[in-house]
Structure formats: structure tokens, C-alpha cells
Amino acid sequence: MERISFTTDIWSDPDRKPYMAVTAYWMERQPLQVSQTLQHRISLRADLIGFIHVPGSHTGEHLAEMFLYILDRLQIANKVSFILILLKIY
């Protein structure tokens, strides 16, 4: 596994408590024996790596802190080399 992509989503429950989910995506190469030839199958993998209550403001800075908190808990924050933040405003 060389590269991981992340998506995040934030929403509020019926009691208006905000939560953030973080999902990781990566390609996994698996050996596959076909006849007498070793080939590889590439599969897209995805896992929910974080689900956290997000109290306070929903500024970009605060949400980034929450995202980095999740990565830090998994001890992978130092492996992230690029973060692109896209905001969709309605």
C-alpha cells in the first residue's frame, strides 16, 4: 500500500450534535495464480477510520484539527504529505 486517499463528512444528529466521519481508500494488490502464471488482482479498499463528535465551531481550521486528531490517533499523521480542502457552498 503506497497511497491513501481520505474523505470526510460532517453532519448533525436529530439533537443537533455534530459528528465527523473519515473514510480511507487505497488500492490493494493481491497475488492471483492463473494456470501456471502468477498475476495480480488490484482491488479498491475502503474503511471507516474515524467517527468523532465535533463540538464547537465548524471552521475549516477546527475541522482540519479534528481530521488530524483522527490521523494522529492511528499514528499515520506523519505519513500524510498533502491535504486539499474543497468546500462546497450552497
PDB file of N, CA and C in Angstrom:
ATOM      1  N   MET A   1       0.848  -1.156   0.000  1.00  0.00           N
ATOM      2  CA  MET A   1       0.000   0.000   0.000  1.00  0.00           C
ATOM      3  C   MET A   1       0.901   1.229   0.000  1.00  0.00           C
ATOM      4  N   GLU A   2       0.791   2.025  -1.043  1.00  0.00           N
ATOM      5  CA  GLU A   2       1.651   3.185  -1.143  1.00  0.00           C
ATOM      6  C   GLU A   2       0.941   4.488  -0.828  1.00  0.00           C
ATOM      7  N   ARG A   3      -0.283   4.620  -1.280  1.00  0.00           N
ATOM      8  CA  ARG A   3      -1.004   5.880  -1.107  1.00  0.00           C
ATOM      9  C   ARG A   3      -2.403   5.630  -0.581  1.00  0.00           C
ATOM     10  N   ILE A   4      -2.835   6.570   0.245  1.00  0.00           N
ATOM     11  CA  ILE A   4      -4.174   6.501   0.811  1.00  0.00           C
ATOM     12  C   ILE A   4      -4.868   7.826   0.528  1.00  0.00           C
ATOM     13  N   SER A   5      -6.126   7.744   0.129  1.00  0.00           N
ATOM     14  CA  SER A   5      -6.955   8.930  -0.041  1.00  0.00           C
ATOM     15  C   SER A   5      -7.995   8.937   1.069  1.00  0.00           C
ATOM     16  N   PHE A   6      -8.422  10.129   1.461  1.00  0.00           N
ATOM     17  CA  PHE A   6      -9.392  10.259   2.540  1.00  0.00           C
ATOM     18  C   PHE A   6     -10.582  11.086   2.083  1.00  0.00           C
ATOM     19  N   THR A   7     -11.735  10.768   2.631  1.00  0.00           N
ATOM     20  CA  THR A   7     -12.898  11.638   2.504  1.00  0.00           C
ATOM     21  C   THR A   7     -13.425  11.878   3.909  1.00  0.00           C
ATOM     22  N   THR A   8     -14.029  13.034   4.090  1.00  0.00           N
ATOM     23  CA  THR A   8     -14.654  13.342   5.371  1.00  0.00           C
ATOM     24  C   THR A   8     -16.061  13.847   5.112  1.00  0.00           C
ATOM     25  N   ASP A   9     -16.903  13.660   6.081  1.00  0.00           N
ATOM     26  CA  ASP A   9     -18.255  14.185   6.018  1.00  0.00           C
ATOM     27  C   ASP A   9     -18.640  14.585   7.434  1.00  0.00           C
ATOM     28  N   ILE A  10     -19.395  15.644   7.552  1.00  0.00           N
ATOM     29  CA  ILE A  10     -19.836  16.103   8.857  1.00  0.00           C
ATOM     30  C   ILE A  10     -21.330  16.375   8.790  1.00  0.00           C
ATOM     31  N   TRP A  11     -22.033  15.989   9.819  1.00  0.00           N
ATOM     32  CA  TRP A  11     -23.470  16.206   9.871  1.00  0.00           C
ATOM     33  C   TRP A  11     -23.900  16.254  11.331  1.00  0.00           C
ATOM     34  N   SER A  12     -25.166  16.606  11.563  1.00  0.00           N
ATOM     35  CA  SER A  12     -25.711  16.682  12.915  1.00  0.00           C
ATOM     36  C   SER A  12     -26.798  15.627  13.093  1.00  0.00           C
ATOM     37  N   ASP A  13     -26.857  15.066  14.301  1.00  0.00           N
ATOM     38  CA  ASP A  13     -27.908  14.101  14.606  1.00  0.00           C
ATOM     39  C   ASP A  13     -29.201  14.868  14.919  1.00  0.00           C
ATOM     40  N   PRO A  14     -30.300  14.174  15.189  1.00  0.00           N
ATOM     41  CA  PRO A  14     -31.567  14.867  15.468  1.00  0.00           C
ATOM     42  C   PRO A  14     -31.502  15.845  16.655  1.00  0.00           C
ATOM     43  N   ASP A  15     -30.547  15.623  17.567  1.00  0.00           N
ATOM     44  CA  ASP A  15     -30.383  16.534  18.701  1.00  0.00           C
ATOM     45  C   ASP A  15     -29.407  17.673  18.392  1.00  0.00           C
ATOM     46  N   ARG A  16     -29.024  17.789  17.112  1.00  0.00           N
ATOM     47  CA  ARG A  16     -28.128  18.852  16.627  1.00  0.00           C
ATOM     48  C   ARG A  16     -26.698  18.705  17.124  1.00  0.00           C
ATOM     49  N   LYS A  17     -26.275  17.488  17.485  1.00  0.00           N
ATOM     50  CA  LYS A  17     -24.883  17.225  17.859  1.00  0.00           C
ATOM     51  C   LYS A  17     -24.111  16.897  16.581  1.00  0.00           C
ATOM     52  N   PRO A  18     -23.038  17.631  16.297  1.00  0.00           N
ATOM     53  CA  PRO A  18     -22.290  17.400  15.059  1.00  0.00           C
ATOM     54  C   PRO A  18     -21.285  16.252  15.187  1.00  0.00           C
ATOM     55  N   TYR A  19     -21.154  15.489  14.109  1.00  0.00           N
ATOM     56  CA  TYR A  19     -20.209  14.375  14.041  1.00  0.00           C
ATOM     57  C   TYR A  19     -19.444  14.431  12.736  1.00  0.00           C
ATOM     58  N   MET A  20     -18.230  13.887  12.768  1.00  0.00           N
ATOM     59  CA  MET A  20     -17.407  13.778  11.563  1.00  0.00           C
ATOM     60  C   MET A  20     -17.040  12.312  11.348  1.00  0.00           C
ATOM     61  N   ALA A  21     -17.147  11.884  10.108  1.00  0.00           N
ATOM     62  CA  ALA A  21     -16.685  10.546   9.720  1.00  0.00           C
ATOM     63  C   ALA A  21     -15.516  10.722   8.757  1.00  0.00           C
ATOM     64  N   VAL A  22     -14.516   9.868   8.880  1.00  0.00           N
ATOM     65  CA  VAL A  22     -13.364   9.877   7.973  1.00  0.00           C
ATOM     66  C   VAL A  22     -13.230   8.473   7.387  1.00  0.00           C
ATOM     67  N   THR A  23     -13.179   8.417   6.068  1.00  0.00           N
ATOM     68  CA  THR A  23     -13.034   7.149   5.357  1.00  0.00           C
ATOM     69  C   THR A  23     -11.706   7.158   4.605  1.00  0.00           C
ATOM     70  N   ALA A  24     -11.000   6.054   4.644  1.00  0.00           N
ATOM     71  CA  ALA A  24      -9.737   5.895   3.916  1.00  0.00           C
ATOM     72  C   ALA A  24      -9.963   4.965   2.730  1.00  0.00           C
ATOM     73  N   TYR A  25      -9.307   5.281   1.603  1.00  0.00           N
ATOM     74  CA  TYR A  25      -9.398   4.484   0.375  1.00  0.00           C
ATOM     75  C   TYR A  25      -7.991   4.186  -0.119  1.00  0.00           C
ATOM     76  N   TRP A  26      -7.768   2.970  -0.577  1.00  0.00           N
ATOM     77  CA  TRP A  26      -6.481   2.609  -1.142  1.00  0.00           C
ATOM     78  C   TRP A  26      -6.649   1.434  -2.086  1.00  0.00           C
ATOM     79  N   MET A  27      -5.641   1.253  -2.929  1.00  0.00           N
ATOM     80  CA  MET A  27      -5.620   0.121  -3.850  1.00  0.00           C
ATOM     81  C   MET A  27      -4.773  -0.974  -3.217  1.00  0.00           C
ATOM     82  N   GLU A  28      -5.272  -2.204  -3.283  1.00  0.00           N
ATOM     83  CA  GLU A  28      -4.545  -3.330  -2.709  1.00  0.00           C
ATOM     84  C   GLU A  28      -4.228  -4.330  -3.818  1.00  0.00           C
ATOM     85  N   ARG A  29      -2.985  -4.713  -3.893  1.00  0.00           N
ATOM     86  CA  ARG A  29      -2.518  -5.661  -4.904  1.00  0.00           C
ATOM     87  C   ARG A  29      -2.437  -7.045  -4.260  1.00  0.00           C
ATOM     88  N   GLN A  30      -3.164  -7.999  -4.848  1.00  0.00           N
ATOM     89  CA  GLN A  30      -3.205  -9.352  -4.299  1.00  0.00           C
ATOM     90  C   GLN A  30      -2.722 -10.346  -5.351  1.00  0.00           C
ATOM     91  N   PRO A  31      -1.860 -11.280  -4.955  1.00  0.00           N
ATOM     92  CA  PRO A  31      -1.393 -12.289  -5.904  1.00  0.00           C
ATOM     93  C   PRO A  31      -2.543 -13.210  -6.331  1.00  0.00           C
ATOM     94  N   LEU A  32      -2.520 -13.593  -7.579  1.00  0.00           N
ATOM     95  CA  LEU A  32      -3.567 -14.434  -8.140  1.00  0.00           C
ATOM     96  C   LEU A  32      -2.903 -15.445  -9.069  1.00  0.00           C
ATOM     97  N   GLN A  33      -3.067 -16.732  -8.754  1.00  0.00           N
ATOM     98  CA  GLN A  33      -2.475 -17.788  -9.573  1.00  0.00           C
ATOM     99  C   GLN A  33      -3.442 -18.138 -10.709  1.00  0.00           C
ATOM    100  N   VAL A  34      -3.021 -17.906 -11.942  1.00  0.00           N
ATOM    101  CA  VAL A  34      -3.816 -18.243 -13.116  1.00  0.00           C
ATOM    102  C   VAL A  34      -2.996 -19.247 -13.929  1.00  0.00           C
ATOM    103  N   SER A  35      -3.528 -20.472 -14.021  1.00  0.00           N
ATOM    104  CA  SER A  35      -2.779 -21.576 -14.632  1.00  0.00           C
ATOM    105  C   SER A  35      -1.436 -21.670 -13.922  1.00  0.00           C
ATOM    106  N   GLN A  36      -0.368 -21.503 -14.663  1.00  0.00           N
ATOM    107  CA  GLN A  36       0.965 -21.570 -14.048  1.00  0.00           C
ATOM    108  C   GLN A  36       1.615 -20.190 -13.992  1.00  0.00           C
ATOM    109  N   THR A  37       0.811 -19.168 -14.168  1.00  0.00           N
ATOM    110  CA  THR A  37       1.320 -17.799 -14.175  1.00  0.00           C
ATOM    111  C   THR A  37       0.827 -17.056 -12.940  1.00  0.00           C
ATOM    112  N   LEU A  38       1.740 -16.370 -12.286  1.00  0.00           N
ATOM    113  CA  LEU A  38       1.360 -15.547 -11.149  1.00  0.00           C
ATOM    114  C   LEU A  38       0.989 -14.163 -11.659  1.00  0.00           C
ATOM    115  N   GLN A  39      -0.247 -13.783 -11.435  1.00  0.00           N
ATOM    116  CA  GLN A  39      -0.724 -12.451 -11.805  1.00  0.00           C
ATOM    117  C   GLN A  39      -1.171 -11.743 -10.533  1.00  0.00           C
ATOM    118  N   HIS A  40      -1.593 -10.507 -10.712  1.00  0.00           N
ATOM    119  CA  HIS A  40      -2.063  -9.756  -9.554  1.00  0.00           C
ATOM    120  C   HIS A  40      -3.434  -9.164  -9.840  1.00  0.00           C
ATOM    121  N   ARG A  41      -4.233  -9.152  -8.808  1.00  0.00           N
ATOM    122  CA  ARG A  41      -5.538  -8.508  -8.885  1.00  0.00           C
ATOM    123  C   ARG A  41      -5.457  -7.252  -8.022  1.00  0.00           C
ATOM    124  N   ILE A  42      -5.938  -6.159  -8.566  1.00  0.00           N
ATOM    125  CA  ILE A  42      -5.939  -4.907  -7.822  1.00  0.00           C
ATOM    126  C   ILE A  42      -7.366  -4.611  -7.387  1.00  0.00           C
ATOM    127  N   SER A  43      -7.530  -4.393  -6.095  1.00  0.00           N
ATOM    128  CA  SER A  43      -8.851  -4.135  -5.533  1.00  0.00           C
ATOM    129  C   SER A  43      -8.858  -2.783  -4.839  1.00  0.00           C
ATOM    130  N   LEU A  44      -9.964  -2.068  -4.978  1.00  0.00           N
ATOM    131  CA  LEU A  44     -10.160  -0.837  -4.228  1.00  0.00           C
ATOM    132  C   LEU A  44     -10.654  -1.212  -2.844  1.00  0.00           C
ATOM    133  N   ARG A  45      -9.979  -0.708  -1.837  1.00  0.00           N
ATOM    134  CA  ARG A  45     -10.358  -0.976  -0.451  1.00  0.00           C
ATOM    135  C   ARG A  45     -10.806   0.320   0.195  1.00  0.00           C
ATOM    136  N   ALA A  46     -11.701   0.224   1.149  1.00  0.00           N
ATOM    137  CA  ALA A  46     -12.185   1.389   1.881  1.00  0.00           C
ATOM    138  C   ALA A  46     -12.538   0.965   3.293  1.00  0.00           C
ATOM    139  N   ASP A  47     -12.224   1.811   4.253  1.00  0.00           N
ATOM    140  CA  ASP A  47     -12.567   1.560   5.650  1.00  0.00           C
ATOM    141  C   ASP A  47     -12.895   2.866   6.345  1.00  0.00           C
ATOM    142  N   LEU A  48     -13.876   2.817   7.220  1.00  0.00           N
ATOM    143  CA  LEU A  48     -14.162   3.942   8.089  1.00  0.00           C
ATOM    144  C   LEU A  48     -13.082   3.947   9.160  1.00  0.00           C
ATOM    145  N   ILE A  49     -12.282   5.011   9.203  1.00  0.00           N
ATOM    146  CA  ILE A  49     -11.169   5.046  10.157  1.00  0.00           C
ATOM    147  C   ILE A  49     -11.431   5.979  11.332  1.00  0.00           C
ATOM    148  N   GLY A  50     -12.501   6.752  11.242  1.00  0.00           N
ATOM    149  CA  GLY A  50     -12.791   7.650  12.348  1.00  0.00           C
ATOM    150  C   GLY A  50     -14.238   8.099  12.350  1.00  0.00           C
ATOM    151  N   PHE A  51     -14.782   8.225  13.535  1.00  0.00           N
ATOM    152  CA  PHE A  51     -16.123   8.755  13.730  1.00  0.00           C
ATOM    153  C   PHE A  51     -16.066   9.478  15.060  1.00  0.00           C
ATOM    154  N   ILE A  52     -16.236  10.794  15.034  1.00  0.00           N
ATOM    155  CA  ILE A  52     -15.968  11.586  16.228  1.00  0.00           C
ATOM    156  C   ILE A  52     -16.983  12.709  16.383  1.00  0.00           C
ATOM    157  N   HIS A  53     -17.325  12.999  17.626  1.00  0.00           N
ATOM    158  CA  HIS A  53     -18.166  14.146  17.948  1.00  0.00           C
ATOM    159  C   HIS A  53     -17.326  15.409  17.739  1.00  0.00           C
ATOM    160  N   VAL A  54     -17.901  16.425  17.098  1.00  0.00           N
ATOM    161  CA  VAL A  54     -17.168  17.653  16.781  1.00  0.00           C
ATOM    162  C   VAL A  54     -17.868  18.847  17.441  1.00  0.00           C
ATOM    163  N   PRO A  55     -17.601  19.071  18.720  1.00  0.00           N
ATOM    164  CA  PRO A  55     -18.211  20.221  19.366  1.00  0.00           C
ATOM    165  C   PRO A  55     -17.548  21.515  18.910  1.00  0.00           C
ATOM    166  N   GLY A  56     -18.245  22.615  19.081  1.00  0.00           N
ATOM    167  CA  GLY A  56     -17.656  23.904  18.748  1.00  0.00           C
ATOM    168  C   GLY A  56     -17.932  24.317  17.313  1.00  0.00           C
ATOM    169  N   SER A  57     -17.167  25.285  16.866  1.00  0.00           N
ATOM    170  CA  SER A  57     -17.388  25.856  15.532  1.00  0.00           C
ATOM    171  C   SER A  57     -16.982  24.889  14.430  1.00  0.00           C
ATOM    172  N   HIS A  58     -17.537  25.107  13.258  1.00  0.00           N
ATOM    173  CA  HIS A  58     -17.231  24.259  12.102  1.00  0.00           C
ATOM    174  C   HIS A  58     -16.379  25.017  11.102  1.00  0.00           C
ATOM    175  N   THR A  59     -15.418  25.761  11.601  1.00  0.00           N
ATOM    176  CA  THR A  59     -14.500  26.460  10.710  1.00  0.00           C
ATOM    177  C   THR A  59     -13.575  25.441  10.056  1.00  0.00           C
ATOM    178  N   GLY A  60     -12.985  25.815   8.953  1.00  0.00           N
ATOM    179  CA  GLY A  60     -12.046  24.928   8.281  1.00  0.00           C
ATOM    180  C   GLY A  60     -10.900  24.530   9.187  1.00  0.00           C
ATOM    181  N   GLU A  61     -10.416  25.473   9.980  1.00  0.00           N
ATOM    182  CA  GLU A  61      -9.306  25.186  10.888  1.00  0.00           C
ATOM    183  C   GLU A  61      -9.702  24.145  11.944  1.00  0.00           C
ATOM    184  N   HIS A  62     -10.880  24.298  12.521  1.00  0.00           N
ATOM    185  CA  HIS A  62     -11.322  23.353  13.546  1.00  0.00           C
ATOM    186  C   HIS A  62     -11.567  21.960  12.954  1.00  0.00           C
ATOM    187  N   LEU A  63     -12.183  21.900  11.776  1.00  0.00           N
ATOM    188  CA  LEU A  63     -12.417  20.597  11.135  1.00  0.00           C
ATOM    189  C   LEU A  63     -11.097  19.936  10.756  1.00  0.00           C
ATOM    190  N   ALA A  64     -10.123  20.738  10.309  1.00  0.00           N
ATOM    191  CA  ALA A  64      -8.798  20.181   9.994  1.00  0.00           C
ATOM    192  C   ALA A  64      -8.153  19.618  11.253  1.00  0.00           C
ATOM    193  N   GLU A  65      -8.313  20.304  12.381  1.00  0.00           N
ATOM    194  CA  GLU A  65      -7.776  19.802  13.650  1.00  0.00           C
ATOM    195  C   GLU A  65      -8.408  18.462  14.014  1.00  0.00           C
ATOM    196  N   MET A  66      -9.711  18.331  13.814  1.00  0.00           N
ATOM    197  CA  MET A  66     -10.400  17.078  14.114  1.00  0.00           C
ATOM    198  C   MET A  66      -9.913  15.949  13.198  1.00  0.00           C
ATOM    199  N   PHE A  67      -9.743  16.273  11.906  1.00  0.00           N
ATOM    200  CA  PHE A  67      -9.235  15.296  10.936  1.00  0.00           C
ATOM    201  C   PHE A  67      -7.829  14.847  11.334  1.00  0.00           C
ATOM    202  N   LEU A  68      -6.960  15.795  11.663  1.00  0.00           N
ATOM    203  CA  LEU A  68      -5.597  15.451  12.067  1.00  0.00           C
ATOM    204  C   LEU A  68      -5.579  14.699  13.399  1.00  0.00           C
ATOM    205  N   TYR A  69      -6.523  14.977  14.273  1.00  0.00           N
ATOM    206  CA  TYR A  69      -6.634  14.242  15.532  1.00  0.00           C
ATOM    207  C   TYR A  69      -6.879  12.752  15.245  1.00  0.00           C
ATOM    208  N   ILE A  70      -7.773  12.471  14.305  1.00  0.00           N
ATOM    209  CA  ILE A  70      -8.063  11.079  13.938  1.00  0.00           C
ATOM    210  C   ILE A  70      -6.827  10.418  13.344  1.00  0.00           C
ATOM    211  N   LEU A  71      -6.147  11.107  12.421  1.00  0.00           N
ATOM    212  CA  LEU A  71      -4.932  10.545  11.820  1.00  0.00           C
ATOM    213  C   LEU A  71      -3.856  10.313  12.870  1.00  0.00           C
ATOM    214  N   ASP A  72      -3.751  11.244  13.817  1.00  0.00           N
ATOM    215  CA  ASP A  72      -2.752  11.117  14.870  1.00  0.00           C
ATOM    216  C   ASP A  72      -3.037   9.923  15.767  1.00  0.00           C
ATOM    217  N   ARG A  73      -4.313   9.696  16.093  1.00  0.00           N
ATOM    218  CA  ARG A  73      -4.693   8.546  16.925  1.00  0.00           C
ATOM    219  C   ARG A  73      -4.317   7.224  16.253  1.00  0.00           C
ATOM    220  N   LEU A  74      -4.363   7.205  14.912  1.00  0.00           N
ATOM    221  CA  LEU A  74      -3.997   5.999  14.163  1.00  0.00           C
ATOM    222  C   LEU A  74      -2.506   5.933  13.875  1.00  0.00           C
ATOM    223  N   GLN A  75      -1.773   6.948  14.321  1.00  0.00           N
ATOM    224  CA  GLN A  75      -0.327   7.063  14.124  1.00  0.00           C
ATOM    225  C   GLN A  75       0.055   7.078  12.651  1.00  0.00           C
ATOM    226  N   ILE A  76      -0.755   7.790  11.845  1.00  0.00           N
ATOM    227  CA  ILE A  76      -0.434   7.919  10.422  1.00  0.00           C
ATOM    228  C   ILE A  76      -0.341   9.381   9.985  1.00  0.00           C
ATOM    229  N   ALA A  77      -0.490  10.318  10.917  1.00  0.00           N
ATOM    230  CA  ALA A  77      -0.458  11.743  10.569  1.00  0.00           C
ATOM    231  C   ALA A  77       0.869  12.128   9.922  1.00  0.00           C
ATOM    232  N   ASN A  78       1.972  11.531  10.382  1.00  0.00           N
ATOM    233  CA  ASN A  78       3.282  11.865   9.823  1.00  0.00           C
ATOM    234  C   ASN A  78       3.490  11.296   8.422  1.00  0.00           C
ATOM    235  N   LYS A  79       2.583  10.461   7.952  1.00  0.00           N
ATOM    236  CA  LYS A  79       2.693   9.869   6.618  1.00  0.00           C
ATOM    237  C   LYS A  79       1.882  10.632   5.577  1.00  0.00           C
ATOM    238  N   VAL A  80       1.085  11.601   6.020  1.00  0.00           N
ATOM    239  CA  VAL A  80       0.262  12.384   5.101  1.00  0.00           C
ATOM    240  C   VAL A  80       1.114  13.513   4.548  1.00  0.00           C
ATOM    241  N   SER A  81       1.186  13.592   3.223  1.00  0.00           N
ATOM    242  CA  SER A  81       2.057  14.596   2.619  1.00  0.00           C
ATOM    243  C   SER A  81       1.296  15.737   1.955  1.00  0.00           C
ATOM    244  N   PHE A  82      -0.005  15.597   1.752  1.00  0.00           N
ATOM    245  CA  PHE A  82      -0.741  16.630   1.029  1.00  0.00           C
ATOM    246  C   PHE A  82      -2.193  16.591   1.434  1.00  0.00           C
ATOM    247  N   ILE A  83      -2.735  17.743   1.787  1.00  0.00           N
ATOM    248  CA  ILE A  83      -4.152  17.837   2.126  1.00  0.00           C
ATOM    249  C   ILE A  83      -4.766  18.932   1.274  1.00  0.00           C
ATOM    250  N   LEU A  84      -5.798  18.580   0.548  1.00  0.00           N
ATOM    251  CA  LEU A  84      -6.538  19.525  -0.276  1.00  0.00           C
ATOM    252  C   LEU A  84      -7.927  19.649   0.317  1.00  0.00           C
ATOM    253  N   ILE A  85      -8.305  20.850   0.633  1.00  0.00           N
ATOM    254  CA  ILE A  85      -9.620  21.083   1.220  1.00  0.00           C
ATOM    255  C   ILE A  85     -10.520  21.725   0.182  1.00  0.00           C
ATOM    256  N   LEU A  86     -11.632  21.060  -0.099  1.00  0.00           N
ATOM    257  CA  LEU A  86     -12.614  21.592  -1.017  1.00  0.00           C
ATOM    258  C   LEU A  86     -13.890  21.883  -0.240  1.00  0.00           C
ATOM    259  N   LEU A  87     -14.385  23.076  -0.374  1.00  0.00           N
ATOM    260  CA  LEU A  87     -15.629  23.455   0.291  1.00  0.00           C
ATOM    261  C   LEU A  87     -16.698  23.651  -0.742  1.00  0.00           C
ATOM    262  N   LYS A  88     -17.840  23.056  -0.518  1.00  0.00           N
ATOM    263  CA  LYS A  88     -18.971  23.230  -1.414  1.00  0.00           C
ATOM    264  C   LYS A  88     -19.991  24.105  -0.713  1.00  0.00           C
ATOM    265  N   ILE A  89     -20.223  25.257  -1.258  1.00  0.00           N
ATOM    266  CA  ILE A  89     -21.133  26.213  -0.640  1.00  0.00           C
ATOM    267  C   ILE A  89     -22.417  26.258  -1.463  1.00  0.00           C
ATOM    268  N   TYR A  90     -23.539  26.102  -0.785  1.00  0.00           N
ATOM    269  CA  TYR A  90     -24.838  26.118  -1.456  1.00  0.00           C
ATOM    270  C   TYR A  90     -25.441  27.486  -1.374  1.00  0.00           C
TER     271      TYR A  90
END
